[in-house]
Amino acid sequence: MRTSFFKVIAKINKTLLPSFTKRKLDISKASKFQLAIIGWRAYITLNSLD
């Protein structure tokens, strides 16, 4: 149940949130908001893989 919830959230993230790797964003130059989005996407991805 938990992983299925995170899989749904991961699909929503993929469609709504920007992909910074496709934009070739340098993490050292990212703003706090961009870092928060990267962290959120990483958290959801790691939990959806379990």
N, C-alpha and C. Protein backbone atom coordinates (compact mmCIF):
# COMPACT_ATOMS: atom_id res chain seq x y z
N MET A 1 0.83 -1.19 0.00
CA MET A 1 0.00 0.00 0.00
C MET A 1 0.88 1.26 0.00
N ARG A 2 1.93 1.25 0.81
CA ARG A 2 2.78 2.42 0.92
C ARG A 2 3.52 2.67 -0.39
N THR A 3 4.06 1.60 -0.99
CA THR A 3 4.82 1.80 -2.23
C THR A 3 3.90 2.20 -3.37
N SER A 4 2.68 1.70 -3.38
CA SER A 4 1.76 2.09 -4.45
C SER A 4 1.38 3.57 -4.33
N PHE A 5 1.27 4.06 -3.10
CA PHE A 5 1.01 5.49 -2.89
C PHE A 5 2.16 6.32 -3.44
N PHE A 6 3.40 5.92 -3.13
CA PHE A 6 4.55 6.68 -3.60
C PHE A 6 4.73 6.55 -5.11
N LYS A 7 4.32 5.44 -5.70
CA LYS A 7 4.40 5.30 -7.15
C LYS A 7 3.45 6.27 -7.84
N VAL A 8 2.27 6.46 -7.26
CA VAL A 8 1.32 7.42 -7.82
C VAL A 8 1.86 8.83 -7.71
N ILE A 9 2.42 9.16 -6.55
CA ILE A 9 3.00 10.49 -6.35
C ILE A 9 4.19 10.70 -7.30
N ALA A 10 4.97 9.65 -7.56
CA ALA A 10 6.11 9.76 -8.48
C ALA A 10 5.63 10.06 -9.90
N LYS A 11 4.54 9.45 -10.32
CA LYS A 11 4.02 9.74 -11.65
C LYS A 11 3.50 11.17 -11.75
N ILE A 12 2.88 11.65 -10.67
CA ILE A 12 2.41 13.03 -10.65
C ILE A 12 3.60 13.99 -10.71
N ASN A 13 4.65 13.68 -9.94
CA ASN A 13 5.86 14.51 -9.96
C ASN A 13 6.47 14.56 -11.34
N LYS A 14 6.48 13.44 -12.02
CA LYS A 14 7.10 13.38 -13.35
C LYS A 14 6.38 14.28 -14.34
N THR A 15 5.07 14.39 -14.20
CA THR A 15 4.33 15.21 -15.15
C THR A 15 4.31 16.68 -14.76
N LEU A 16 4.30 16.98 -13.47
CA LEU A 16 4.13 18.36 -13.04
C LEU A 16 5.43 19.11 -12.76
N LEU A 17 6.38 18.44 -12.13
CA LEU A 17 7.60 19.13 -11.72
C LEU A 17 8.65 19.10 -12.83
N PRO A 18 9.45 20.15 -12.91
CA PRO A 18 10.47 20.21 -13.97
C PRO A 18 11.60 19.22 -13.72
N SER A 19 12.20 18.76 -14.80
CA SER A 19 13.37 17.90 -14.71
C SER A 19 14.61 18.75 -14.90
N PHE A 20 15.39 18.88 -13.84
CA PHE A 20 16.56 19.73 -13.90
C PHE A 20 17.73 19.04 -14.60
N THR A 21 17.70 17.72 -14.70
CA THR A 21 18.78 17.04 -15.41
C THR A 21 18.66 17.28 -16.91
N LYS A 22 17.46 17.38 -17.42
CA LYS A 22 17.28 17.67 -18.84
C LYS A 22 17.70 19.11 -19.16
N ARG A 23 17.60 19.98 -18.17
CA ARG A 23 18.01 21.38 -18.36
C ARG A 23 19.48 21.59 -18.06
N LYS A 24 20.17 20.51 -17.65
CA LYS A 24 21.60 20.56 -17.32
C LYS A 24 21.89 21.61 -16.26
N LEU A 25 21.10 21.59 -15.19
CA LEU A 25 21.28 22.52 -14.08
C LEU A 25 22.48 22.11 -13.24
N ASP A 26 23.32 23.08 -12.93
CA ASP A 26 24.45 22.85 -12.04
C ASP A 26 23.93 22.98 -10.60
N ILE A 27 24.06 21.92 -9.82
CA ILE A 27 23.49 21.90 -8.48
C ILE A 27 24.13 22.96 -7.58
N SER A 28 25.38 23.27 -7.80
CA SER A 28 26.04 24.28 -6.98
C SER A 28 25.47 25.68 -7.23
N LYS A 29 24.82 25.87 -8.36
CA LYS A 29 24.23 27.16 -8.68
C LYS A 29 22.70 27.17 -8.54
N ALA A 30 22.13 26.09 -8.01
CA ALA A 30 20.69 25.99 -7.89
C ALA A 30 20.19 26.84 -6.72
N SER A 31 18.98 27.36 -6.88
CA SER A 31 18.37 28.13 -5.80
C SER A 31 17.82 27.18 -4.73
N LYS A 32 17.40 27.76 -3.62
CA LYS A 32 16.86 26.95 -2.53
C LYS A 32 15.58 26.23 -2.97
N PHE A 33 14.78 26.88 -3.78
CA PHE A 33 13.55 26.27 -4.27
C PHE A 33 13.86 25.08 -5.19
N GLN A 34 14.84 25.24 -6.06
CA GLN A 34 15.23 24.16 -6.95
C GLN A 34 15.80 22.99 -6.16
N LEU A 35 16.58 23.28 -5.12
CA LEU A 35 17.12 22.22 -4.27
C LEU A 35 16.01 21.49 -3.53
N ALA A 36 14.96 22.22 -3.12
CA ALA A 36 13.83 21.60 -2.45
C ALA A 36 13.10 20.65 -3.39
N ILE A 37 12.94 21.05 -4.65
CA ILE A 37 12.28 20.19 -5.64
C ILE A 37 13.12 18.94 -5.90
N ILE A 38 14.43 19.10 -6.00
CA ILE A 38 15.32 17.95 -6.22
C ILE A 38 15.24 16.99 -5.05
N GLY A 39 15.24 17.53 -3.83
CA GLY A 39 15.13 16.70 -2.64
C GLY A 39 13.81 15.97 -2.55
N TRP A 40 12.72 16.66 -2.88
CA TRP A 40 11.39 16.05 -2.85
C TRP A 40 11.30 14.90 -3.85
N ARG A 41 11.79 15.14 -5.07
CA ARG A 41 11.74 14.10 -6.09
C ARG A 41 12.59 12.90 -5.71
N ALA A 42 13.73 13.14 -5.09
CA ALA A 42 14.60 12.05 -4.65
C ALA A 42 13.93 11.24 -3.55
N TYR A 43 13.30 11.92 -2.59
CA TYR A 43 12.60 11.24 -1.49
C TYR A 43 11.47 10.35 -2.02
N ILE A 44 10.68 10.89 -2.91
CA ILE A 44 9.55 10.12 -3.47
C ILE A 44 10.07 8.95 -4.29
N THR A 45 11.10 9.17 -5.08
CA THR A 45 11.65 8.09 -5.92
C THR A 45 12.21 6.96 -5.07
N LEU A 46 12.96 7.29 -4.03
CA LEU A 46 13.52 6.26 -3.17
C LEU A 46 12.44 5.45 -2.46
N ASN A 47 11.37 6.10 -2.04
CA ASN A 47 10.30 5.38 -1.36
C ASN A 47 9.43 4.58 -2.32
N SER A 48 9.37 4.98 -3.57
CA SER A 48 8.55 4.23 -4.53
C SER A 48 9.26 2.97 -5.00
N LEU A 49 10.58 2.90 -4.84
CA LEU A 49 11.34 1.74 -5.29
C LEU A 49 11.32 0.58 -4.29
N ASP A 50 11.00 0.85 -3.04
CA ASP A 50 11.02 -0.21 -2.02
C ASP A 50 10.00 -1.29 -2.26
